[in-house]
Amino acid sequence: MFNKKKQPPIKSLIAEGSEITGNISFTDGLRVDGSIIGNIRAGEQIPSILVISEIASITGEVVADHIIINGSVKGPIHARKMLELQPKARIEGDVEYAALEMHQGALITGQLRPILAEGEKPTLKLAANNQ
């Protein structure tokens, strides 16, 4: 159901304890463990992945192909291919996604809008709690 092709490599890290104010552009993969006040945008030319860990916090717009969130985001999110919301994800903002996987415990305060081609149905998967 979901695209399980090889993911782009994560080549950049914003480490725990880092605080960045300003917009960030990246290619391939980016992992955020720190704090960012500004927009994060992946280039559109090649596939991208963005991982926001449970200790990370973002205030700003987030745009990438595949986005995995287990931390805090205050701002709109645009996942061009796939959005995965882990149990500790906390989102305050509107979310656009092509496919969505949401684990129990994730919280969204905002609107969910699927990105659909004409006549297409949204892809939604509620992840089971396997404990």
C-alpha atoms as a PDB file:
ATOM      1  CA  MET A   1       0.000   0.000   0.000  1.00  0.00           C
ATOM      2  CA  PHE A   2       2.787   2.435   0.849  1.00  0.00           C
ATOM      3  CA  ASN A   3       5.873   3.014  -1.225  1.00  0.00           C
ATOM      4  CA  LYS A   4       8.634   0.936   0.380  1.00  0.00           C
ATOM      5  CA  LYS A   5      11.350   1.908  -2.099  1.00  0.00           C
ATOM      6  CA  LYS A   6      14.795   2.683  -0.773  1.00  0.00           C
ATOM      7  CA  GLN A   7      14.734   5.976   1.114  1.00  0.00           C
ATOM      8  CA  PRO A   8      17.202   8.785   0.390  1.00  0.00           C
ATOM      9  CA  PRO A   9      20.184   8.822   2.759  1.00  0.00           C
ATOM     10  CA  ILE A  10      20.086  11.130   5.771  1.00  0.00           C
ATOM     11  CA  LYS A  11      23.141  13.299   5.148  1.00  0.00           C
ATOM     12  CA  SER A  12      22.468  16.170   7.558  1.00  0.00           C
ATOM     13  CA  LEU A  13      21.758  16.399  11.285  1.00  0.00           C
ATOM     14  CA  ILE A  14      20.653  19.276  13.471  1.00  0.00           C
ATOM     15  CA  ALA A  15      21.803  17.907  16.808  1.00  0.00           C
ATOM     16  CA  GLU A  16      20.156  18.012  20.214  1.00  0.00           C
ATOM     17  CA  GLY A  17      20.958  21.312  21.905  1.00  0.00           C
ATOM     18  CA  SER A  18      21.208  23.182  18.590  1.00  0.00           C
ATOM     19  CA  GLU A  19      18.941  26.199  18.156  1.00  0.00           C
ATOM     20  CA  ILE A  20      18.529  27.657  14.680  1.00  0.00           C
ATOM     21  CA  THR A  21      16.585  30.753  13.702  1.00  0.00           C
ATOM     22  CA  GLY A  22      16.127  31.025   9.943  1.00  0.00           C
ATOM     23  CA  ASN A  23      14.940  29.046   6.950  1.00  0.00           C
ATOM     24  CA  ILE A  24      16.580  25.744   5.995  1.00  0.00           C
ATOM     25  CA  SER A  25      16.743  24.139   2.554  1.00  0.00           C
ATOM     26  CA  PHE A  26      18.047  20.600   2.098  1.00  0.00           C
ATOM     27  CA  THR A  27      18.342  17.706  -0.337  1.00  0.00           C
ATOM     28  CA  ASP A  28      18.291  13.954   0.308  1.00  0.00           C
ATOM     29  CA  GLY A  29      17.684  13.481   4.036  1.00  0.00           C
ATOM     30  CA  LEU A  30      17.703  15.636   7.180  1.00  0.00           C
ATOM     31  CA  ARG A  31      17.264  14.603  10.820  1.00  0.00           C
ATOM     32  CA  VAL A  32      16.315  17.240  13.382  1.00  0.00           C
ATOM     33  CA  ASP A  33      16.995  16.665  17.097  1.00  0.00           C
ATOM     34  CA  GLY A  34      17.301  20.360  17.980  1.00  0.00           C
ATOM     35  CA  SER A  35      15.084  23.443  17.815  1.00  0.00           C
ATOM     36  CA  ILE A  36      14.298  25.439  14.664  1.00  0.00           C
ATOM     37  CA  ILE A  37      12.374  28.673  14.289  1.00  0.00           C
ATOM     38  CA  GLY A  38      11.950  29.005  10.540  1.00  0.00           C
ATOM     39  CA  ASN A  39      10.779  27.087   7.513  1.00  0.00           C
ATOM     40  CA  ILE A  40      12.272  23.743   6.456  1.00  0.00           C
ATOM     41  CA  ARG A  41      12.000  22.938   2.761  1.00  0.00           C
ATOM     42  CA  ALA A  42      13.351  20.032   0.715  1.00  0.00           C
ATOM     43  CA  GLY A  43      14.197  20.526  -2.935  1.00  0.00           C
ATOM     44  CA  GLU A  44      11.756  19.043  -5.430  1.00  0.00           C
ATOM     45  CA  GLN A  45      14.298  17.675  -7.920  1.00  0.00           C
ATOM     46  CA  ILE A  46      15.295  14.521  -5.993  1.00  0.00           C
ATOM     47  CA  PRO A  47      13.452  12.416  -3.366  1.00  0.00           C
ATOM     48  CA  SER A  48      13.741  13.717   0.204  1.00  0.00           C
ATOM     49  CA  ILE A  49      13.135  12.521   3.747  1.00  0.00           C
ATOM     50  CA  LEU A  50      12.839  14.614   6.907  1.00  0.00           C
ATOM     51  CA  VAL A  51      12.923  13.057  10.385  1.00  0.00           C
ATOM     52  CA  ILE A  52      11.814  15.182  13.342  1.00  0.00           C
ATOM     53  CA  SER A  53      12.727  13.283  16.505  1.00  0.00           C
ATOM     54  CA  GLU A  54      10.818  13.282  19.794  1.00  0.00           C
ATOM     55  CA  ILE A  55      13.267  15.815  21.291  1.00  0.00           C
ATOM     56  CA  ALA A  56      12.955  18.233  18.346  1.00  0.00           C
ATOM     57  CA  SER A  57      10.757  21.299  18.031  1.00  0.00           C
ATOM     58  CA  ILE A  58       9.981  23.218  14.848  1.00  0.00           C
ATOM     59  CA  THR A  59       8.134  26.522  14.544  1.00  0.00           C
ATOM     60  CA  GLY A  60       7.532  27.158  10.855  1.00  0.00           C
ATOM     61  CA  GLU A  61       6.424  25.544   7.608  1.00  0.00           C
ATOM     62  CA  VAL A  62       7.705  22.030   6.837  1.00  0.00           C
ATOM     63  CA  VAL A  63       7.860  20.716   3.233  1.00  0.00           C
ATOM     64  CA  ALA A  64       9.421  17.432   2.040  1.00  0.00           C
ATOM     65  CA  ASP A  65       8.531  14.246   0.173  1.00  0.00           C
ATOM     66  CA  HIS A  66       8.565  11.856   3.149  1.00  0.00           C
ATOM     67  CA  ILE A  67       8.207  13.331   6.635  1.00  0.00           C
ATOM     68  CA  ILE A  68       8.476  11.355   9.875  1.00  0.00           C
ATOM     69  CA  ILE A  69       7.475  13.247  13.027  1.00  0.00           C
ATOM     70  CA  ASN A  70       7.814  12.202  16.656  1.00  0.00           C
ATOM     71  CA  GLY A  71       8.392  15.710  18.054  1.00  0.00           C
ATOM     72  CA  SER A  72       6.654  19.085  18.028  1.00  0.00           C
ATOM     73  CA  VAL A  73       5.760  21.165  14.949  1.00  0.00           C
ATOM     74  CA  LYS A  74       3.956  24.508  15.104  1.00  0.00           C
ATOM     75  CA  GLY A  75       3.138  25.454  11.543  1.00  0.00           C
ATOM     76  CA  PRO A  76       1.808  23.969   8.305  1.00  0.00           C
ATOM     77  CA  ILE A  77       3.143  20.647   7.005  1.00  0.00           C
ATOM     78  CA  HIS A  78       3.202  19.598   3.345  1.00  0.00           C
ATOM     79  CA  ALA A  79       4.225  15.958   2.784  1.00  0.00           C
ATOM     80  CA  ARG A  80       4.425  15.501  -0.991  1.00  0.00           C
ATOM     81  CA  LYS A  81       4.535  11.672  -0.752  1.00  0.00           C
ATOM     82  CA  MET A  82       4.167  10.309   2.805  1.00  0.00           C
ATOM     83  CA  LEU A  83       3.630  11.585   6.344  1.00  0.00           C
ATOM     84  CA  GLU A  84       4.328   9.305   9.316  1.00  0.00           C
ATOM     85  CA  LEU A  85       3.182  10.494  12.719  1.00  0.00           C
ATOM     86  CA  GLN A  86       4.835   8.610  15.563  1.00  0.00           C
ATOM     87  CA  PRO A  87       3.210   8.316  19.042  1.00  0.00           C
ATOM     88  CA  LYS A  88       4.787  11.489  20.498  1.00  0.00           C
ATOM     89  CA  ALA A  89       4.066  13.705  17.479  1.00  0.00           C
ATOM     90  CA  ARG A  90       2.428  17.026  18.369  1.00  0.00           C
ATOM     91  CA  ILE A  91       1.320  19.231  15.470  1.00  0.00           C
ATOM     92  CA  GLU A  92      -0.316  22.643  15.638  1.00  0.00           C
ATOM     93  CA  GLY A  93      -1.096  23.560  12.052  1.00  0.00           C
ATOM     94  CA  ASP A  94      -2.729  22.388   8.871  1.00  0.00           C
ATOM     95  CA  VAL A  95      -1.403  19.219   7.260  1.00  0.00           C
ATOM     96  CA  GLU A  96      -1.349  18.257   3.571  1.00  0.00           C
ATOM     97  CA  TYR A  97      -0.315  14.714   2.658  1.00  0.00           C
ATOM     98  CA  ALA A  98      -0.363  12.243  -0.212  1.00  0.00           C
ATOM     99  CA  ALA A  99      -0.342   9.251   2.185  1.00  0.00           C
ATOM    100  CA  LEU A 100      -0.659   9.272   5.979  1.00  0.00           C
ATOM    101  CA  GLU A 101       0.363   6.774   8.656  1.00  0.00           C
ATOM    102  CA  MET A 102      -0.625   7.769  12.179  1.00  0.00           C
ATOM    103  CA  HIS A 103       0.277   5.963  15.395  1.00  0.00           C
ATOM    104  CA  GLN A 104      -1.861   5.959  18.519  1.00  0.00           C
ATOM    105  CA  GLY A 105      -0.956   8.958  20.677  1.00  0.00           C
ATOM    106  CA  ALA A 106      -0.080  11.364  17.845  1.00  0.00           C
ATOM    107  CA  LEU A 107      -1.975  14.659  18.087  1.00  0.00           C
ATOM    108  CA  ILE A 108      -2.915  17.144  15.360  1.00  0.00           C
ATOM    109  CA  THR A 109      -4.545  20.493  16.056  1.00  0.00           C
ATOM    110  CA  GLY A 110      -5.425  21.682  12.567  1.00  0.00           C
ATOM    111  CA  GLN A 111      -6.965  20.505   9.324  1.00  0.00           C
ATOM    112  CA  LEU A 112      -5.937  17.370   7.427  1.00  0.00           C
ATOM    113  CA  ARG A 113      -6.076  17.702   3.639  1.00  0.00           C
ATOM    114  CA  PRO A 114      -5.106  14.877   1.290  1.00  0.00           C
ATOM    115  CA  ILE A 115      -3.253  15.733  -1.916  1.00  0.00           C
ATOM    116  CA  LEU A 116      -5.258  13.906  -4.562  1.00  0.00           C
ATOM    117  CA  ALA A 117      -5.199  13.498  -8.290  1.00  0.00           C
ATOM    118  CA  GLU A 118      -8.660  13.776  -9.806  1.00  0.00           C
ATOM    119  CA  GLY A 119     -10.786  10.753  -8.859  1.00  0.00           C
ATOM    120  CA  GLU A 120      -8.177   9.385  -6.441  1.00  0.00           C
ATOM    121  CA  LYS A 121      -9.039   8.329  -2.881  1.00  0.00           C
ATOM    122  CA  PRO A 122      -6.845   9.320   0.095  1.00  0.00           C
ATOM    123  CA  THR A 123      -4.387   6.765   1.480  1.00  0.00           C
ATOM    124  CA  LEU A 124      -4.689   6.492   5.244  1.00  0.00           C
ATOM    125  CA  LYS A 125      -3.232   3.896   7.559  1.00  0.00           C
ATOM    126  CA  LEU A 126      -3.767   3.809  11.297  1.00  0.00           C
ATOM    127  CA  ALA A 127      -0.774   2.036  12.764  1.00  0.00           C
ATOM    128  CA  ALA A 128      -1.621  -0.728  15.208  1.00  0.00           C
ATOM    129  CA  ASN A 129      -0.154  -0.665  18.683  1.00  0.00           C
ATOM    130  CA  ASN A 130       2.007  -3.804  18.656  1.00  0.00           C
ATOM    131  CA  GLN A 131       2.801  -4.101  22.349  1.00  0.00           C
END
